[in-house]
N, C-alpha and C. Protein backbone atom coordinates (compact mmCIF):
# COMPACT_ATOMS: atom_id res chain seq x y z
N UNK A 1 -8.23 -135.12 -4.17
CA UNK A 1 -8.20 -136.19 -5.14
C UNK A 1 -8.42 -135.61 -6.53
N UNK A 2 -7.74 -136.15 -7.52
CA UNK A 2 -7.82 -135.69 -8.90
C UNK A 2 -9.23 -135.89 -9.45
N UNK A 3 -9.78 -134.87 -10.09
CA UNK A 3 -11.12 -134.94 -10.68
C UNK A 3 -11.20 -135.91 -11.84
N UNK A 4 -10.06 -136.33 -12.34
CA UNK A 4 -10.07 -137.25 -13.48
C UNK A 4 -10.10 -138.71 -13.05
N UNK A 5 -10.10 -138.96 -11.76
CA UNK A 5 -10.21 -140.32 -11.26
C UNK A 5 -11.50 -140.92 -11.79
N UNK A 6 -11.44 -142.14 -12.30
CA UNK A 6 -12.62 -142.75 -12.91
C UNK A 6 -13.36 -143.65 -11.93
N UNK A 7 -14.66 -143.73 -12.14
CA UNK A 7 -15.51 -144.60 -11.34
C UNK A 7 -16.38 -145.41 -12.29
N UNK A 8 -16.70 -146.63 -11.88
CA UNK A 8 -17.65 -147.42 -12.64
C UNK A 8 -19.00 -147.27 -11.97
N UNK A 9 -20.01 -146.93 -12.77
CA UNK A 9 -21.36 -146.71 -12.24
C UNK A 9 -22.34 -147.44 -13.14
N UNK A 10 -23.35 -148.01 -12.55
CA UNK A 10 -24.40 -148.67 -13.32
C UNK A 10 -25.45 -147.67 -13.75
N UNK A 11 -25.78 -147.68 -15.01
CA UNK A 11 -26.81 -146.82 -15.57
C UNK A 11 -27.93 -147.68 -16.13
N UNK A 12 -29.15 -147.22 -16.00
CA UNK A 12 -30.27 -147.85 -16.67
C UNK A 12 -30.67 -146.91 -17.79
N UNK A 13 -30.36 -147.33 -19.02
CA UNK A 13 -30.56 -146.48 -20.19
C UNK A 13 -31.58 -147.08 -21.14
N UNK A 14 -32.23 -146.20 -21.92
CA UNK A 14 -33.14 -146.66 -22.96
C UNK A 14 -32.39 -147.59 -23.90
N UNK A 15 -33.02 -148.68 -24.29
CA UNK A 15 -32.40 -149.66 -25.18
C UNK A 15 -31.96 -149.01 -26.49
N UNK A 16 -32.79 -148.15 -27.04
CA UNK A 16 -32.44 -147.45 -28.28
C UNK A 16 -31.24 -146.54 -28.07
N UNK A 17 -31.17 -145.91 -26.92
CA UNK A 17 -30.04 -145.03 -26.60
C UNK A 17 -28.75 -145.84 -26.51
N UNK A 18 -28.80 -147.02 -25.89
CA UNK A 18 -27.62 -147.88 -25.80
C UNK A 18 -27.13 -148.23 -27.20
N UNK A 19 -28.05 -148.54 -28.09
CA UNK A 19 -27.66 -148.86 -29.48
C UNK A 19 -26.99 -147.66 -30.14
N UNK A 20 -27.53 -146.46 -29.93
CA UNK A 20 -26.93 -145.25 -30.51
C UNK A 20 -25.56 -144.98 -29.91
N UNK A 21 -25.40 -145.21 -28.61
CA UNK A 21 -24.10 -145.02 -27.97
C UNK A 21 -23.07 -146.01 -28.52
N UNK A 22 -23.48 -147.26 -28.69
CA UNK A 22 -22.57 -148.26 -29.26
C UNK A 22 -22.15 -147.88 -30.67
N UNK A 23 -23.11 -147.44 -31.47
CA UNK A 23 -22.83 -147.03 -32.84
C UNK A 23 -21.89 -145.82 -32.87
N UNK A 24 -22.19 -144.82 -32.05
CA UNK A 24 -21.36 -143.63 -31.99
C UNK A 24 -19.94 -143.94 -31.52
N UNK A 25 -19.83 -144.83 -30.54
CA UNK A 25 -18.52 -145.23 -30.04
C UNK A 25 -17.73 -145.93 -31.13
N UNK A 26 -18.38 -146.82 -31.82
CA UNK A 26 -17.71 -147.56 -32.89
C UNK A 26 -17.27 -146.61 -34.01
N UNK A 27 -18.15 -145.71 -34.41
CA UNK A 27 -17.82 -144.77 -35.48
C UNK A 27 -16.69 -143.82 -35.11
N UNK A 28 -16.57 -143.52 -33.82
CA UNK A 28 -15.52 -142.58 -33.39
C UNK A 28 -14.25 -143.29 -32.93
N UNK A 29 -14.28 -144.62 -32.91
CA UNK A 29 -13.11 -145.38 -32.49
C UNK A 29 -12.84 -145.30 -30.99
N UNK A 30 -13.89 -145.08 -30.23
CA UNK A 30 -13.77 -144.97 -28.77
C UNK A 30 -14.54 -146.09 -28.09
N UNK A 31 -14.27 -146.29 -26.81
CA UNK A 31 -15.08 -147.22 -26.02
C UNK A 31 -16.43 -146.55 -25.74
N UNK A 32 -17.41 -147.35 -25.38
CA UNK A 32 -18.73 -146.79 -25.04
C UNK A 32 -18.60 -145.86 -23.85
N UNK A 33 -17.79 -146.25 -22.86
CA UNK A 33 -17.60 -145.39 -21.68
C UNK A 33 -17.01 -144.04 -22.08
N UNK A 34 -15.98 -144.06 -22.88
CA UNK A 34 -15.32 -142.81 -23.28
C UNK A 34 -16.26 -141.95 -24.13
N UNK A 35 -16.99 -142.56 -25.05
CA UNK A 35 -17.92 -141.82 -25.89
C UNK A 35 -19.03 -141.18 -25.04
N UNK A 36 -19.56 -141.95 -24.08
CA UNK A 36 -20.59 -141.43 -23.18
C UNK A 36 -20.03 -140.30 -22.33
N UNK A 37 -18.82 -140.45 -21.87
CA UNK A 37 -18.16 -139.41 -21.07
C UNK A 37 -18.05 -138.11 -21.88
N UNK A 38 -17.68 -138.22 -23.15
CA UNK A 38 -17.59 -137.02 -24.01
C UNK A 38 -18.95 -136.35 -24.18
N UNK A 39 -20.00 -137.16 -24.38
CA UNK A 39 -21.35 -136.60 -24.54
C UNK A 39 -21.80 -135.90 -23.26
N UNK A 40 -21.54 -136.52 -22.11
CA UNK A 40 -21.94 -135.91 -20.85
C UNK A 40 -21.16 -134.62 -20.60
N UNK A 41 -19.89 -134.60 -20.98
CA UNK A 41 -19.09 -133.37 -20.86
C UNK A 41 -19.69 -132.25 -21.71
N UNK A 42 -20.14 -132.60 -22.91
CA UNK A 42 -20.78 -131.61 -23.78
C UNK A 42 -22.05 -131.07 -23.14
N UNK A 43 -22.82 -131.99 -22.52
CA UNK A 43 -24.05 -131.55 -21.87
C UNK A 43 -23.75 -130.60 -20.71
N UNK A 44 -22.75 -130.92 -19.93
CA UNK A 44 -22.38 -130.07 -18.80
C UNK A 44 -21.99 -128.68 -19.31
N UNK A 45 -21.18 -128.62 -20.37
CA UNK A 45 -20.80 -127.32 -20.95
C UNK A 45 -22.03 -126.57 -21.45
N UNK A 46 -22.94 -127.28 -22.09
CA UNK A 46 -24.17 -126.67 -22.61
C UNK A 46 -25.00 -126.06 -21.48
N UNK A 47 -25.14 -126.78 -20.38
CA UNK A 47 -25.93 -126.26 -19.26
C UNK A 47 -25.24 -125.06 -18.62
N UNK A 48 -23.92 -125.10 -18.56
CA UNK A 48 -23.19 -123.97 -17.99
C UNK A 48 -23.37 -122.72 -18.85
N UNK A 49 -23.38 -122.90 -20.17
CA UNK A 49 -23.52 -121.74 -21.08
C UNK A 49 -24.95 -121.23 -21.13
N UNK A 50 -25.92 -122.14 -21.16
CA UNK A 50 -27.32 -121.73 -21.33
C UNK A 50 -28.04 -121.49 -20.01
N UNK A 51 -27.59 -122.14 -18.95
CA UNK A 51 -28.28 -122.04 -17.67
C UNK A 51 -29.53 -122.89 -17.60
N UNK A 52 -29.83 -123.64 -18.66
CA UNK A 52 -31.01 -124.49 -18.70
C UNK A 52 -30.65 -125.89 -18.20
N UNK A 53 -31.17 -126.27 -17.04
CA UNK A 53 -30.85 -127.57 -16.45
C UNK A 53 -31.66 -128.71 -17.06
N UNK A 54 -32.87 -128.42 -17.53
CA UNK A 54 -33.74 -129.48 -18.04
C UNK A 54 -33.32 -129.86 -19.45
N UNK A 55 -32.86 -131.10 -19.62
CA UNK A 55 -32.34 -131.49 -20.92
C UNK A 55 -33.39 -131.67 -21.99
N UNK A 56 -34.50 -132.28 -21.66
CA UNK A 56 -35.41 -132.69 -22.72
C UNK A 56 -36.62 -133.32 -22.05
N UNK A 57 -37.76 -133.09 -22.60
CA UNK A 57 -38.95 -133.74 -22.08
C UNK A 57 -39.64 -134.41 -23.26
N UNK A 58 -39.75 -135.72 -23.19
CA UNK A 58 -40.41 -136.45 -24.27
C UNK A 58 -41.91 -136.22 -24.18
N UNK A 59 -42.58 -136.16 -25.32
CA UNK A 59 -44.04 -136.00 -25.30
C UNK A 59 -44.69 -137.16 -24.54
N UNK A 60 -45.78 -136.86 -23.86
CA UNK A 60 -46.47 -137.87 -23.04
C UNK A 60 -46.98 -139.05 -23.86
N UNK A 61 -47.23 -138.88 -25.15
CA UNK A 61 -47.82 -139.94 -25.96
C UNK A 61 -46.83 -141.07 -26.27
N UNK A 62 -45.54 -140.85 -26.07
CA UNK A 62 -44.57 -141.89 -26.38
C UNK A 62 -44.67 -143.04 -25.38
N UNK A 63 -44.51 -144.25 -25.91
CA UNK A 63 -44.54 -145.44 -25.06
C UNK A 63 -43.29 -145.45 -24.18
N UNK A 64 -43.40 -146.12 -23.05
CA UNK A 64 -42.25 -146.25 -22.16
C UNK A 64 -41.21 -147.13 -22.84
N UNK A 65 -39.99 -146.62 -23.00
CA UNK A 65 -38.98 -147.40 -23.72
C UNK A 65 -38.45 -148.56 -22.88
N UNK A 66 -37.98 -149.59 -23.59
CA UNK A 66 -37.31 -150.69 -22.91
C UNK A 66 -35.98 -150.16 -22.38
N UNK A 67 -35.55 -150.70 -21.26
CA UNK A 67 -34.33 -150.24 -20.62
C UNK A 67 -33.28 -151.34 -20.59
N UNK A 68 -32.04 -150.93 -20.46
CA UNK A 68 -30.94 -151.87 -20.32
C UNK A 68 -29.98 -151.33 -19.27
N UNK A 69 -29.55 -152.20 -18.38
CA UNK A 69 -28.56 -151.82 -17.36
C UNK A 69 -27.18 -151.91 -18.01
N UNK A 70 -26.40 -150.86 -17.84
CA UNK A 70 -25.08 -150.79 -18.46
C UNK A 70 -24.10 -150.21 -17.46
N UNK A 71 -22.98 -150.88 -17.26
CA UNK A 71 -21.94 -150.37 -16.38
C UNK A 71 -20.92 -149.60 -17.19
N UNK A 72 -20.71 -148.34 -16.86
CA UNK A 72 -19.77 -147.49 -17.58
C UNK A 72 -18.75 -146.92 -16.62
N UNK A 73 -17.53 -146.75 -17.09
CA UNK A 73 -16.49 -146.13 -16.30
C UNK A 73 -16.33 -144.70 -16.79
N UNK A 74 -16.64 -143.75 -15.91
CA UNK A 74 -16.72 -142.33 -16.26
C UNK A 74 -15.88 -141.56 -15.25
N UNK A 75 -15.31 -140.45 -15.70
CA UNK A 75 -14.56 -139.59 -14.78
C UNK A 75 -15.44 -139.17 -13.61
N UNK A 76 -14.85 -139.21 -12.44
CA UNK A 76 -15.56 -138.88 -11.19
C UNK A 76 -16.15 -137.47 -11.23
N UNK A 77 -15.41 -136.48 -11.75
CA UNK A 77 -15.92 -135.11 -11.77
C UNK A 77 -17.15 -134.97 -12.65
N UNK A 78 -17.20 -135.71 -13.75
CA UNK A 78 -18.37 -135.68 -14.63
C UNK A 78 -19.57 -136.29 -13.91
N UNK A 79 -19.36 -137.42 -13.25
CA UNK A 79 -20.46 -138.05 -12.51
C UNK A 79 -21.00 -137.13 -11.42
N UNK A 80 -20.11 -136.49 -10.69
CA UNK A 80 -20.55 -135.59 -9.61
C UNK A 80 -21.34 -134.41 -10.18
N UNK A 81 -20.88 -133.85 -11.31
CA UNK A 81 -21.60 -132.73 -11.92
C UNK A 81 -22.97 -133.17 -12.42
N UNK A 82 -23.05 -134.35 -13.01
CA UNK A 82 -24.33 -134.85 -13.50
C UNK A 82 -25.28 -135.14 -12.33
N UNK A 83 -24.76 -135.66 -11.23
CA UNK A 83 -25.59 -135.89 -10.05
C UNK A 83 -26.15 -134.56 -9.53
N UNK A 84 -25.32 -133.53 -9.51
CA UNK A 84 -25.78 -132.21 -9.05
C UNK A 84 -26.82 -131.63 -9.99
N UNK A 85 -26.63 -131.78 -11.29
CA UNK A 85 -27.61 -131.26 -12.26
C UNK A 85 -28.94 -132.01 -12.13
N UNK A 86 -28.87 -133.32 -11.95
CA UNK A 86 -30.09 -134.11 -11.78
C UNK A 86 -30.85 -133.67 -10.53
N UNK A 87 -30.12 -133.48 -9.46
CA UNK A 87 -30.74 -133.04 -8.21
C UNK A 87 -31.37 -131.65 -8.38
N UNK A 88 -30.67 -130.75 -9.05
CA UNK A 88 -31.18 -129.39 -9.26
C UNK A 88 -32.43 -129.40 -10.15
N UNK A 89 -32.54 -130.39 -11.03
CA UNK A 89 -33.70 -130.52 -11.92
C UNK A 89 -34.78 -131.43 -11.33
N UNK A 90 -34.57 -131.88 -10.09
CA UNK A 90 -35.52 -132.74 -9.37
C UNK A 90 -35.84 -134.02 -10.14
N UNK A 91 -34.80 -134.62 -10.71
CA UNK A 91 -34.97 -135.87 -11.46
C UNK A 91 -34.06 -136.95 -10.89
N UNK A 92 -34.47 -138.22 -11.02
CA UNK A 92 -33.57 -139.31 -10.66
C UNK A 92 -32.35 -139.27 -11.58
N UNK A 93 -31.21 -139.70 -11.06
CA UNK A 93 -29.96 -139.63 -11.80
C UNK A 93 -30.04 -140.33 -13.17
N UNK A 94 -30.49 -141.60 -13.20
CA UNK A 94 -30.54 -142.33 -14.47
C UNK A 94 -31.46 -141.66 -15.48
N UNK A 95 -32.59 -141.14 -15.02
CA UNK A 95 -33.51 -140.44 -15.92
C UNK A 95 -32.84 -139.20 -16.51
N UNK A 96 -32.17 -138.46 -15.66
CA UNK A 96 -31.50 -137.24 -16.11
C UNK A 96 -30.40 -137.57 -17.13
N UNK A 97 -29.62 -138.60 -16.86
CA UNK A 97 -28.55 -138.99 -17.79
C UNK A 97 -29.15 -139.42 -19.13
N UNK A 98 -30.23 -140.21 -19.10
CA UNK A 98 -30.90 -140.62 -20.33
C UNK A 98 -31.32 -139.40 -21.14
N UNK A 99 -32.00 -138.48 -20.50
CA UNK A 99 -32.51 -137.30 -21.21
C UNK A 99 -31.37 -136.42 -21.73
N UNK A 100 -30.34 -136.26 -20.93
CA UNK A 100 -29.20 -135.43 -21.35
C UNK A 100 -28.50 -136.06 -22.55
N UNK A 101 -28.30 -137.37 -22.52
CA UNK A 101 -27.64 -138.04 -23.64
C UNK A 101 -28.48 -137.94 -24.92
N UNK A 102 -29.80 -138.12 -24.79
CA UNK A 102 -30.66 -137.96 -25.96
C UNK A 102 -30.52 -136.55 -26.52
N UNK A 103 -30.53 -135.56 -25.64
CA UNK A 103 -30.46 -134.16 -26.07
C UNK A 103 -29.14 -133.86 -26.80
N UNK A 104 -28.03 -134.35 -26.26
CA UNK A 104 -26.74 -134.12 -26.90
C UNK A 104 -26.69 -134.79 -28.26
N UNK A 105 -27.21 -136.01 -28.35
CA UNK A 105 -27.23 -136.71 -29.63
C UNK A 105 -28.09 -135.95 -30.65
N UNK A 106 -29.22 -135.40 -30.21
CA UNK A 106 -30.06 -134.59 -31.10
C UNK A 106 -29.33 -133.34 -31.58
N UNK A 107 -28.58 -132.70 -30.68
CA UNK A 107 -27.85 -131.49 -31.05
C UNK A 107 -26.77 -131.79 -32.09
N UNK A 108 -26.24 -133.00 -32.07
CA UNK A 108 -25.19 -133.38 -33.03
C UNK A 108 -25.75 -133.67 -34.42
N UNK A 109 -27.04 -133.99 -34.51
CA UNK A 109 -27.63 -134.33 -35.81
C UNK A 109 -27.84 -133.11 -36.67
């Protein structure tokens, strides 16, 4: 099966992160799904180059962020790679995606 086949998956993301994704998607003229897919692709490339699986660890003093459930349609190969990275980092999938997206957004600033 083609790795570009898309799947819709539910993500539980930080509310602030969802706002940043919406803003980034709007600014780039892309859908939120496509913009998120591009960010996750960047993260996958970054981990392949650096060998560092752990995306980011927020300081313990930060309050637990509000979350929002969001359904995104993402390429199947990207989802599978992110699931493998999350498993290798011993993190739940949604947590790993949240942290990876935050890290990629920070790298772009």
